[in-house]
Amino acid sequence: MQGYLGIDAGTQGLSVTFTDEQMQVIATGDGHYDMVPGLADGEYEQRPADWERALSAAMQDLREQLDTKAPGWAVQAIGISGQMHGEVMVDENDQPLGPARLWCDARNEEEGQELTALLGIKMPKRLTATRWLWTLRQRADQAARVAFLTTPGGWLAYRLTGQRCLGIGDASGMFPVDQKSGTYDQDRLEKYERHVADLGGPPLSQLLPRVCKAGEDAGVLNANGATLTGLPEGIPVAPAEGDQPAAMAGSLIGESGVVSISLGTSVCANAVGDHAFEGVHPGIDHFCAADGKPINMVCLRNGTTYMNLVVDMFAGVLDGKSKSGFKTVIPQVLAAAPDCGGILALPFVDDEPGVQVSQGGTALLVGLTPANATPGNVVKAALLATLFNLRLGMDELSRQNFPRLELVLSGGLVRDPELGQIVADVLNAPAVILDSATEGSGWGATLLGCYRHQRMSGESTTWGAFVKQQSSGAAAQRFEPNANQTAEYDHVFESYRRLLHTQGALGHAVRGS
């Protein structure tokens, strides 16, 4: 069986996916790793060597399955997806300079604000260039020894091919990309380097990987890659992409107007743009799709976490089993009125930079009465709080004339797909859940590999057209917005906005600071 291999290096583990030539998933394998132990709160690091060991373990897991399911299987091309923004520092001997700081590491909030003001574009703290400024200041001796800077996906690609290149989506998570040139924004890069010149260390422009678009040459599996994967040398490898561009590929989104929304413990809504975003908005980040089209991303740290906590609180009452209350409570959530009987919630278990909440710990419910204190109302209020925060960013995109024609949903929330109707009503757009929704960025990585193979074979199809051609992601369920429900949610949304404005005072009351 001929097919494609996708490698997906996430925050909590690594998976590999093998599809046939029709992009049907035949088997998957898993490998695991942990955070570096003993770090302070808010500090998150992993060792690149652990990613490599996880890759070998996942390939062994995959091989054992495929040797039974599809004897004689062969990989025609490899795609890679990895957690974006990580800071992997490599010395002149091609060895990592210690662990990599990850996207979720919280040590450089001030640098993000500083660079946003300097460059006139949103520079979130998780951006690799923002982390590098912190490293120059806090770990100058280590910074002076860096010869190459990349991301987790870029490191795996380097180990497999020896090529210092990166997909344009992942590269835009290291430093802003200029849409016209298709590489790093040279004006902003020069301004950045003048800003940090007194700190020493090598120029960032000499450390960043070469930028590649989907389908372009990013090397082939070399001897070291063959050892890590157990595959023969010479297999073409697609440019390594970030998990968000790969997830958009897995959601079959290649053109403007369709928004990919991943609903889990964090929430990401990615919208392909057809023009430049104007100004800086705290809730919207800017990256690239795999072919270089601009992506506007609304990202929330506080996704379903608060709702999950509330469900767990009710679990014993609902069915006597810890953490199994969802099956019982979801029908009640669906039956609850849009105003949740008068209950509103704030979901801030963690900080939420996008709505300028700097500290967590103000997750709460207001408006409880004996008449409305039901599991359905309380859990729905917690869910709506997250969807309203998402809407704050998405409404800004609408004001700048970015279309919202359809929402493609993925993530943990789609395990209860009926909730898609609430999402459609709150955001006033059709919502679909694809057959591939549970595959996510891993399946997207196999698509990147397939597209690389097609381009090598002489195909001239554009990335957007290629994505549209895929059939295994056909919509399993579709939810049209209900105009009456949307109008009611609009009214509740305005109440939520007023409550959100009190969050600072609430935080002061709780913490005294």
Protein backbone atom coordinates (compact mmCIF):
# COMPACT_ATOMS: atom_id res chain seq x y z
CA MET A 1 0.00 0.00 0.00
CA GLN A 2 1.37 3.40 -1.01
CA GLY A 3 0.53 6.30 1.26
CA TYR A 4 1.58 9.35 3.26
CA LEU A 5 2.99 9.84 6.75
CA GLY A 6 2.06 12.71 9.04
CA ILE A 7 4.09 13.54 12.17
CA ASP A 8 2.38 15.72 14.78
CA ALA A 9 4.50 16.88 17.75
CA GLY A 10 2.08 18.41 20.24
CA THR A 11 2.48 19.82 23.71
CA GLN A 12 1.57 16.58 25.49
CA GLY A 13 2.84 13.95 23.08
CA LEU A 14 3.67 12.97 19.52
CA SER A 15 1.56 11.01 17.06
CA VAL A 16 2.13 9.63 13.57
CA THR A 17 -0.60 8.99 11.01
CA PHE A 18 -0.44 6.86 7.88
CA THR A 19 -3.04 7.35 5.15
CA ASP A 20 -3.56 5.61 1.83
CA GLU A 21 -3.48 7.56 -1.43
CA GLN A 22 -7.15 8.49 -0.98
CA MET A 23 -6.19 10.12 2.35
CA GLN A 24 -8.08 7.59 4.43
CA VAL A 25 -6.41 6.96 7.79
CA ILE A 26 -5.09 3.40 7.96
CA ALA A 27 -3.24 3.46 11.28
CA THR A 28 -1.78 5.79 13.90
CA GLY A 29 1.04 5.49 16.43
CA ASP A 30 1.84 7.40 19.61
CA GLY A 31 4.86 8.48 21.59
CA HIS A 32 4.99 10.40 24.83
CA TYR A 33 7.10 12.98 26.66
CA ASP A 34 6.75 15.25 29.67
CA MET A 35 7.64 18.77 30.65
CA VAL A 36 11.00 19.37 32.29
CA PRO A 37 10.23 18.83 36.00
CA GLY A 38 10.88 21.24 38.83
CA LEU A 39 10.17 24.50 37.00
CA ALA A 40 8.38 27.42 38.60
CA ASP A 41 4.72 28.16 37.93
CA GLY A 42 4.23 29.46 34.40
CA GLU A 43 7.47 27.94 33.11
CA TYR A 44 7.17 25.19 30.48
CA GLU A 45 10.11 23.49 28.80
CA GLN A 46 10.75 20.20 26.98
CA ARG A 47 13.90 18.45 25.79
CA PRO A 48 14.29 18.07 22.00
CA ALA A 49 15.83 14.62 22.53
CA ASP A 50 12.54 13.51 24.08
CA TRP A 51 10.69 14.45 20.89
CA GLU A 52 13.07 12.27 18.90
CA ARG A 53 12.61 9.31 21.24
CA ALA A 54 8.84 9.78 21.03
CA LEU A 55 9.04 9.78 17.22
CA SER A 56 10.91 6.48 17.17
CA ALA A 57 8.44 4.96 19.65
CA ALA A 58 5.44 6.20 17.64
CA MET A 59 6.89 4.78 14.42
CA GLN A 60 7.42 1.42 16.07
CA ASP A 61 3.81 1.49 17.27
CA LEU A 62 2.65 2.38 13.75
CA ARG A 63 4.83 -0.26 12.10
CA GLU A 64 3.42 -3.05 14.26
CA GLN A 65 -0.10 -2.15 13.17
CA LEU A 66 0.66 -1.63 9.49
CA ASP A 67 2.64 -4.83 9.12
CA THR A 68 -0.63 -6.59 9.96
CA LYS A 69 -3.13 -4.30 8.22
CA ALA A 70 -1.15 -3.47 5.07
CA PRO A 71 1.92 -5.66 4.52
CA GLY A 72 4.34 -4.05 2.12
CA TRP A 73 3.19 -0.51 2.98
CA ALA A 74 5.39 2.34 1.75
CA VAL A 75 5.61 6.08 2.43
CA GLN A 76 5.66 8.38 -0.60
CA ALA A 77 6.11 11.65 1.33
CA ILE A 78 6.20 12.93 4.91
CA GLY A 79 4.45 15.95 6.45
CA ILE A 80 5.29 17.46 9.83
CA SER A 81 3.20 19.49 12.26
CA GLY A 82 4.52 20.84 15.55
CA GLN A 83 3.49 23.08 18.42
CA MET A 84 4.18 26.63 17.28
CA HIS A 85 6.44 29.33 18.72
CA GLY A 86 8.83 27.16 20.73
CA GLU A 87 12.39 28.44 21.14
CA VAL A 88 14.78 25.68 20.11
CA MET A 89 18.36 26.98 20.29
CA VAL A 90 21.05 25.00 18.43
CA ASP A 91 24.82 25.44 18.72
CA GLU A 92 27.48 25.19 16.00
CA ASN A 93 27.80 21.44 16.66
CA ASP A 94 24.11 20.92 15.85
CA GLN A 95 23.24 20.23 19.48
CA PRO A 96 20.36 21.83 21.38
CA LEU A 97 21.45 24.41 23.95
CA GLY A 98 19.37 22.99 26.76
CA PRO A 99 15.61 22.46 26.83
CA ALA A 100 13.24 24.38 24.55
CA ARG A 101 10.86 26.94 25.97
CA LEU A 102 7.33 26.26 24.72
CA TRP A 103 4.46 28.40 23.48
CA CYS A 104 2.77 28.29 26.89
CA ASP A 105 5.79 29.57 28.84
CA ALA A 106 4.82 32.85 30.54
CA ARG A 107 8.21 34.46 31.18
CA ASN A 108 8.18 37.31 28.65
CA GLU A 109 4.91 39.23 28.82
CA GLU A 110 6.76 42.56 29.05
CA GLU A 111 8.87 41.79 25.97
CA GLY A 112 5.70 41.11 24.00
CA GLN A 113 4.24 44.49 24.92
CA GLU A 114 7.56 46.19 24.17
CA LEU A 115 7.90 44.66 20.70
CA THR A 116 4.24 45.29 19.84
CA ALA A 117 4.78 48.99 20.49
CA LEU A 118 8.09 48.98 18.59
CA LEU A 119 6.99 47.10 15.46
CA GLY A 120 3.35 48.19 15.20
CA ILE A 121 2.06 44.62 14.92
CA LYS A 122 0.82 42.19 17.57
CA MET A 123 3.88 40.42 19.01
CA PRO A 124 2.45 37.99 21.58
CA LYS A 125 4.68 36.69 24.32
CA ARG A 126 4.67 33.21 22.81
CA LEU A 127 6.23 34.39 19.51
CA THR A 128 9.77 32.98 19.15
CA ALA A 129 11.26 36.43 18.49
CA THR A 130 9.68 37.69 21.72
CA ARG A 131 11.20 34.78 23.63
CA TRP A 132 14.58 35.50 21.99
CA LEU A 133 14.56 39.07 23.36
CA TRP A 134 14.04 37.64 26.86
CA THR A 135 16.86 35.15 26.30
CA LEU A 136 19.24 37.90 25.18
CA ARG A 137 18.55 39.72 28.43
CA GLN A 138 18.27 36.86 30.87
CA ARG A 139 20.62 34.22 29.40
CA ALA A 140 23.21 36.21 27.49
CA ASP A 141 25.95 33.55 27.75
CA GLN A 142 23.66 30.92 26.26
CA ALA A 143 22.39 33.28 23.55
CA ALA A 144 25.96 34.03 22.41
CA ARG A 145 26.46 30.34 21.53
CA VAL A 146 23.37 29.99 19.31
CA ALA A 147 24.00 29.19 15.65
CA PHE A 148 20.43 28.29 14.61
CA LEU A 149 16.99 29.02 16.00
CA THR A 150 13.87 27.01 15.19
CA THR A 151 10.60 25.55 16.48
CA PRO A 152 9.77 22.01 17.71
CA GLY A 153 8.49 21.03 14.24
CA GLY A 154 11.50 22.71 12.65
CA TRP A 155 13.87 20.75 14.89
CA LEU A 156 12.33 17.43 13.93
CA ALA A 157 12.50 18.40 10.25
CA TYR A 158 16.17 19.36 10.69
CA ARG A 159 16.94 16.02 12.31
CA LEU A 160 15.16 14.17 9.51
CA THR A 161 16.60 16.10 6.55
CA GLY A 162 19.49 18.29 7.68
CA GLN A 163 17.71 21.28 6.09
CA ARG A 164 17.31 24.55 8.00
CA CYS A 165 13.94 25.47 6.56
CA LEU A 166 10.41 25.88 7.89
CA GLY A 167 6.89 26.12 6.53
CA ILE A 168 5.71 29.69 6.19
CA GLY A 169 2.94 29.24 8.76
CA ASP A 170 5.34 28.04 11.45
CA ALA A 171 7.92 30.62 10.38
CA SER A 172 5.37 33.41 10.87
CA GLY A 173 5.09 32.20 14.47
CA MET A 174 8.79 32.95 14.88
CA PHE A 175 8.81 36.43 13.31
CA PRO A 176 6.24 38.38 11.22
CA VAL A 177 6.19 37.51 7.52
CA ASP A 178 5.77 40.03 4.72
CA GLN A 179 2.92 39.01 2.41
CA LYS A 180 4.55 40.46 -0.70
CA SER A 181 7.99 38.85 -0.34
CA GLY A 182 6.81 35.61 1.27
CA THR A 183 9.60 35.71 3.85
CA TYR A 184 10.39 37.52 7.09
CA ASP A 185 9.45 41.22 7.11
CA GLN A 186 12.84 42.81 6.46
CA ASP A 187 11.91 46.31 7.63
CA ARG A 188 10.64 45.02 10.96
CA LEU A 189 13.58 42.61 11.25
CA GLU A 190 16.06 45.45 10.82
CA LYS A 191 14.18 47.54 13.38
CA TYR A 192 14.21 44.56 15.80
CA GLU A 193 17.96 44.08 15.39
CA ARG A 194 18.70 47.77 15.98
CA HIS A 195 16.56 47.57 19.12
CA VAL A 196 18.55 44.64 20.57
CA ALA A 197 22.02 45.59 19.26
CA ASP A 198 23.33 46.63 22.67
CA LEU A 199 22.42 43.23 24.14
CA GLY A 200 25.00 41.33 22.08
CA GLY A 201 24.30 37.89 20.66
CA PRO A 202 24.11 36.93 16.98
CA PRO A 203 21.68 38.81 14.68
CA LEU A 204 18.27 37.19 14.52
CA SER A 205 18.33 37.36 10.70
CA GLN A 206 21.27 34.91 10.71
CA LEU A 207 19.50 32.43 13.00
CA LEU A 208 16.04 32.06 11.47
CA PRO A 209 15.31 29.10 9.15
CA ARG A 210 14.62 29.53 5.44
CA VAL A 211 10.90 30.03 4.69
CA CYS A 212 9.08 27.54 2.41
CA LYS A 213 5.48 27.38 1.23
CA ALA A 214 3.40 24.20 0.95
CA GLY A 215 4.63 21.96 -1.85
CA GLU A 216 8.12 23.45 -2.02
CA ASP A 217 11.37 21.52 -1.58
CA ALA A 218 12.26 21.02 2.09
CA GLY A 219 14.67 18.11 1.64
CA VAL A 220 14.47 14.35 1.84
CA LEU A 221 14.93 11.80 4.58
CA ASN A 222 18.65 11.48 5.31
CA ALA A 223 20.57 8.75 7.16
CA ASN A 224 19.74 10.16 10.58
CA GLY A 225 16.08 10.51 9.61
CA ALA A 226 16.04 6.93 8.39
CA THR A 227 17.37 5.80 11.77
CA LEU A 228 14.76 7.79 13.71
CA THR A 229 11.82 6.60 11.61
CA GLY A 230 12.89 3.17 10.37
CA LEU A 231 12.07 4.30 6.81
CA PRO A 232 14.39 4.28 3.78
CA GLU A 233 16.43 7.36 2.89
CA GLY A 234 15.30 9.64 0.10
CA ILE A 235 11.61 10.05 0.99
CA PRO A 236 10.60 13.70 0.33
CA VAL A 237 9.65 15.76 3.39
CA ALA A 238 7.21 18.67 3.20
CA PRO A 239 8.07 21.98 4.90
CA ALA A 240 7.37 21.55 8.62
CA GLU A 241 4.27 23.48 9.64
CA GLY A 242 2.84 24.75 12.88
CA ASP A 243 -0.07 22.97 14.48
CA GLN A 244 -2.52 25.77 13.65
CA PRO A 245 -1.82 25.88 9.87
CA ALA A 246 -1.82 22.07 9.85
CA ALA A 247 -5.13 21.98 11.72
CA MET A 248 -6.58 24.35 9.15
CA ALA A 249 -5.42 21.95 6.45
CA GLY A 250 -7.05 19.11 8.37
CA SER A 251 -10.25 21.15 8.49
CA LEU A 252 -10.00 21.58 4.68
CA ILE A 253 -9.74 25.36 4.90
CA GLY A 254 -7.75 27.06 2.19
CA GLU A 255 -9.77 30.11 1.19
CA SER A 256 -11.14 33.25 2.83
CA GLY A 257 -14.51 33.14 4.60
CA VAL A 258 -14.24 29.80 6.40
CA VAL A 259 -13.12 29.89 10.03
CA SER A 260 -11.47 26.94 11.79
CA ILE A 261 -12.42 26.82 15.48
CA SER A 262 -10.73 24.37 17.84
CA LEU A 263 -12.73 24.12 21.06
CA GLY A 264 -10.79 22.56 23.92
CA THR A 265 -9.08 23.63 27.13
CA SER A 266 -7.90 26.52 24.98
CA VAL A 267 -9.75 27.89 21.96
CA CYS A 268 -8.28 28.97 18.63
CA ALA A 269 -10.31 30.49 15.80
CA ASN A 270 -8.28 30.83 12.60
CA ALA A 271 -9.62 32.78 9.64
CA VAL A 272 -7.83 32.93 6.29
CA GLY A 273 -7.77 36.55 5.16
CA ASP A 274 -7.92 38.19 1.74
CA HIS A 275 -6.46 41.54 2.85
CA ALA A 276 -4.25 42.95 5.58
CA PHE A 277 -5.52 43.51 9.13
CA GLU A 278 -5.33 47.14 10.22
CA GLY A 279 -3.82 48.18 13.54
CA VAL A 280 -3.29 46.13 16.71
CA HIS A 281 -6.05 44.35 18.59
CA PRO A 282 -5.22 42.57 21.89
CA GLY A 283 -7.40 39.60 20.99
CA ILE A 284 -6.14 38.92 17.46
CA ASP A 285 -2.79 37.44 16.37
CA HIS A 286 -1.50 37.26 12.82
CA PHE A 287 0.17 34.30 11.12
CA CYS A 288 0.14 32.55 7.74
CA ALA A 289 -1.56 29.56 6.17
CA ALA A 290 0.60 26.86 4.60
CA ASP A 291 0.57 28.68 1.26
CA GLY A 292 1.34 32.09 2.77
CA LYS A 293 -2.16 33.57 2.90
CA PRO A 294 -2.67 35.71 6.01
CA ILE A 295 -4.36 34.12 9.02
CA ASN A 296 -6.07 36.16 11.73
CA MET A 297 -6.26 34.12 14.92
CA VAL A 298 -8.42 34.70 17.96
CA CYS A 299 -6.82 32.65 20.73
CA LEU A 300 -8.22 32.07 24.23
CA ARG A 301 -6.33 30.42 27.09
CA ASN A 302 -9.62 29.93 28.95
CA GLY A 303 -11.53 27.52 26.75
CA THR A 304 -13.67 24.74 28.18
CA THR A 305 -11.67 24.56 31.42
CA TYR A 306 -14.21 26.42 33.54
CA MET A 307 -17.15 24.55 32.03
CA ASN A 308 -15.35 21.27 32.74
CA LEU A 309 -14.79 22.30 36.36
CA VAL A 310 -18.46 23.10 36.79
CA VAL A 311 -19.52 19.78 35.24
CA ASP A 312 -17.13 17.92 37.54
CA MET A 313 -18.68 19.69 40.53
CA PHE A 314 -22.08 18.41 39.47
CA ALA A 315 -20.88 14.95 38.44
CA GLY A 316 -21.60 13.15 41.70
CA VAL A 317 -25.02 14.75 41.98
CA LEU A 318 -25.89 13.93 38.38
CA ASP A 319 -24.95 10.29 38.15
CA GLY A 320 -22.81 9.33 41.12
CA LYS A 321 -19.66 8.91 39.03
CA SER A 322 -16.72 11.29 39.15
CA LYS A 323 -16.07 13.23 35.96
CA SER A 324 -18.82 11.51 34.00
CA GLY A 325 -21.53 14.12 34.26
CA PHE A 326 -21.34 15.32 30.66
CA LYS A 327 -23.71 12.64 29.34
CA THR A 328 -26.36 13.78 31.79
CA VAL A 329 -25.79 17.53 31.76
CA ILE A 330 -25.44 18.20 28.01
CA PRO A 331 -29.18 17.62 27.28
CA GLN A 332 -29.93 20.10 30.07
CA VAL A 333 -27.50 22.62 28.55
CA LEU A 334 -29.21 22.27 25.18
CA ALA A 335 -32.61 22.78 26.80
CA ALA A 336 -31.56 25.84 28.84
CA ALA A 337 -32.72 29.27 27.65
CA PRO A 338 -30.16 31.57 25.98
CA ASP A 339 -30.12 33.81 29.06
CA CYS A 340 -29.49 30.80 31.35
CA GLY A 341 -32.33 31.99 33.55
CA GLY A 342 -30.46 35.20 34.32
CA ILE A 343 -27.06 33.65 35.15
CA LEU A 344 -23.84 35.12 33.75
CA ALA A 345 -20.30 33.78 34.18
CA LEU A 346 -16.71 34.91 33.89
CA PRO A 347 -14.42 31.99 32.89
CA PHE A 348 -10.99 33.28 33.94
CA VAL A 349 -9.29 30.32 35.58
CA ASP A 350 -6.11 31.57 33.82
CA ASP A 351 -5.06 34.97 32.50
CA GLU A 352 -6.61 36.05 29.19
CA PRO A 353 -4.41 38.60 27.36
CA GLY A 354 -6.88 38.87 24.48
CA VAL A 355 -9.45 40.56 26.72
CA GLN A 356 -6.75 42.17 28.89
CA VAL A 357 -7.23 39.97 31.95
CA SER A 358 -3.72 39.72 33.41
CA GLN A 359 -4.42 37.18 36.15
CA GLY A 360 -6.73 34.23 36.58
CA GLY A 361 -8.73 33.34 39.63
CA THR A 362 -11.90 35.32 38.86
CA ALA A 363 -13.95 32.52 37.36
CA LEU A 364 -17.40 33.09 38.85
CA LEU A 365 -21.16 32.96 38.45
CA VAL A 366 -23.53 35.87 39.08
CA GLY A 367 -27.31 36.04 39.17
CA LEU A 368 -27.98 32.74 40.93
CA THR A 369 -31.46 32.35 42.42
CA PRO A 370 -33.36 29.35 43.76
CA ALA A 371 -35.34 29.32 40.53
CA ASN A 372 -32.43 29.26 38.06
CA ALA A 373 -29.75 27.25 39.93
CA THR A 374 -29.90 24.18 37.69
CA PRO A 375 -26.99 22.25 36.14
CA GLY A 376 -28.16 23.18 32.64
CA ASN A 377 -28.21 26.92 33.33
CA VAL A 378 -24.92 26.99 35.24
CA VAL A 379 -22.95 24.90 32.73
CA LYS A 380 -24.40 26.79 29.77
CA ALA A 381 -23.44 30.12 31.35
CA ALA A 382 -19.86 28.85 31.70
CA LEU A 383 -19.83 27.76 28.04
CA LEU A 384 -21.31 31.04 26.81
CA ALA A 385 -18.68 33.05 28.66
CA THR A 386 -15.96 31.44 26.53
CA LEU A 387 -17.95 31.81 23.31
CA PHE A 388 -18.56 35.49 24.10
CA ASN A 389 -14.83 36.08 24.60
CA LEU A 390 -14.29 34.42 21.21
CA ARG A 391 -16.95 36.65 19.68
CA LEU A 392 -15.20 39.80 20.92
CA GLY A 393 -12.27 39.06 18.63
CA MET A 394 -14.34 37.72 15.75
CA ASP A 395 -16.58 40.78 15.73
CA GLU A 396 -13.48 42.93 15.22
CA LEU A 397 -12.67 40.84 12.14
CA SER A 398 -16.20 41.44 10.87
CA ARG A 399 -15.76 45.19 11.38
CA GLN A 400 -12.68 45.01 9.15
CA ASN A 401 -14.67 43.18 6.46
CA PHE A 402 -13.22 39.70 6.91
CA PRO A 403 -16.08 37.36 5.90
CA ARG A 404 -17.51 34.74 8.26
CA LEU A 405 -19.30 32.36 5.91
CA GLU A 406 -18.85 29.06 7.75
CA LEU A 407 -17.36 27.71 10.99
CA VAL A 408 -15.51 24.39 10.96
CA LEU A 409 -15.45 22.97 14.49
CA SER A 410 -12.93 20.60 16.03
CA GLY A 411 -11.48 19.77 19.44
CA GLY A 412 -12.85 18.15 22.56
CA LEU A 413 -16.19 19.93 22.47
CA VAL A 414 -17.20 18.15 19.26
CA ARG A 415 -17.48 14.93 21.26
CA ASP A 416 -20.91 16.42 22.08
CA PRO A 417 -21.69 17.65 18.55
CA GLU A 418 -25.13 19.01 19.44
CA LEU A 419 -23.35 21.94 21.08
CA GLY A 420 -22.50 23.04 17.54
CA GLN A 421 -25.97 24.62 17.36
CA ILE A 422 -25.12 26.95 20.25
CA VAL A 423 -21.86 27.95 18.54
CA ALA A 424 -23.73 28.66 15.29
CA ASP A 425 -26.35 30.77 17.08
CA VAL A 426 -23.88 32.78 19.21
CA LEU A 427 -21.55 33.54 16.29
CA ASN A 428 -24.38 33.82 13.71
CA ALA A 429 -22.79 31.58 11.06
CA PRO A 430 -23.30 27.99 9.87
CA ALA A 431 -21.19 25.49 11.85
CA VAL A 432 -20.00 22.14 10.52
CA ILE A 433 -18.19 19.21 12.08
CA LEU A 434 -16.10 17.23 9.60
CA ASP A 435 -15.53 13.49 9.54
CA SER A 436 -11.83 14.34 10.03
CA ALA A 437 -12.47 16.58 13.06
CA THR A 438 -10.90 14.12 15.49
CA GLU A 439 -7.74 13.77 13.35
CA GLY A 440 -6.83 17.48 13.45
CA SER A 441 -3.29 18.59 12.71
CA GLY A 442 -2.00 15.00 12.33
CA TRP A 443 -4.22 14.46 9.31
CA GLY A 444 -3.34 17.95 8.11
CA ALA A 445 0.33 16.91 8.17
CA THR A 446 -0.42 13.97 5.86
CA LEU A 447 -2.14 16.38 3.47
CA LEU A 448 1.01 18.51 3.43
CA GLY A 449 3.02 15.40 2.57
CA CYS A 450 0.58 14.44 -0.19
CA TYR A 451 0.71 17.94 -1.68
CA ARG A 452 4.52 17.87 -1.67
CA HIS A 453 4.42 14.53 -3.53
CA GLN A 454 1.95 15.87 -6.09
CA ARG A 455 4.06 18.95 -6.77
CA MET A 456 7.13 16.75 -7.25
CA SER A 457 5.12 14.74 -9.77
CA GLY A 458 4.45 17.84 -11.84
CA GLU A 459 0.97 18.76 -10.57
CA SER A 460 0.33 22.51 -10.71
CA THR A 461 -2.76 22.63 -8.49
CA THR A 462 -2.75 25.48 -5.99
CA TRP A 463 -2.85 24.69 -2.28
CA GLY A 464 -6.39 26.09 -1.96
CA ALA A 465 -7.65 23.98 -4.87
CA PHE A 466 -5.90 20.88 -3.50
CA VAL A 467 -7.60 21.29 -0.12
CA LYS A 468 -11.00 21.63 -1.80
CA GLN A 469 -10.45 18.37 -3.70
CA GLN A 470 -10.27 16.25 -0.55
CA SER A 471 -13.37 14.19 0.07
CA SER A 472 -12.64 12.39 3.35
CA GLY A 473 -13.47 15.55 5.29
CA ALA A 474 -17.09 15.83 4.13
CA ALA A 475 -19.37 17.45 6.70
CA ALA A 476 -20.78 14.94 9.14
CA GLN A 477 -23.12 17.46 10.77
CA ARG A 478 -24.18 20.99 9.89
CA PHE A 479 -25.93 23.57 12.08
CA GLU A 480 -27.62 26.66 10.64
CA PRO A 481 -28.02 29.68 12.94
CA ASN A 482 -31.52 30.25 14.27
CA ALA A 483 -32.37 33.94 13.86
CA ASN A 484 -34.55 34.09 16.97
CA GLN A 485 -31.93 32.37 19.13
CA THR A 486 -29.19 34.59 17.72
CA ALA A 487 -31.16 37.71 18.67
CA GLU A 488 -31.53 36.45 22.25
CA TYR A 489 -27.81 35.62 22.48
CA ASP A 490 -27.02 39.13 21.19
CA HIS A 491 -28.89 40.57 24.18
CA VAL A 492 -27.05 38.29 26.64
CA PHE A 493 -23.75 39.17 24.96
CA GLU A 494 -24.25 42.86 25.77
CA SER A 495 -24.87 41.94 29.42
CA TYR A 496 -21.67 39.88 29.38
CA ARG A 497 -19.70 42.84 28.01
CA ARG A 498 -20.85 44.96 30.95
CA LEU A 499 -19.88 42.21 33.39
CA LEU A 500 -16.46 41.85 31.76
CA HIS A 501 -15.74 45.54 32.40
CA THR A 502 -16.00 44.84 36.16
CA GLN A 503 -13.39 42.05 36.08
CA GLY A 504 -10.52 44.31 37.16
CA ALA A 505 -12.39 45.42 40.26
CA LEU A 506 -13.38 41.82 41.01
CA GLY A 507 -9.75 40.74 40.74
CA HIS A 508 -8.75 43.49 43.13
CA ALA A 509 -11.42 42.38 45.59
CA VAL A 510 -10.23 38.76 45.42
CA ARG A 511 -6.46 39.37 45.55
CA GLY A 512 -6.23 42.80 47.09
CA SER A 513 -3.87 43.92 44.32
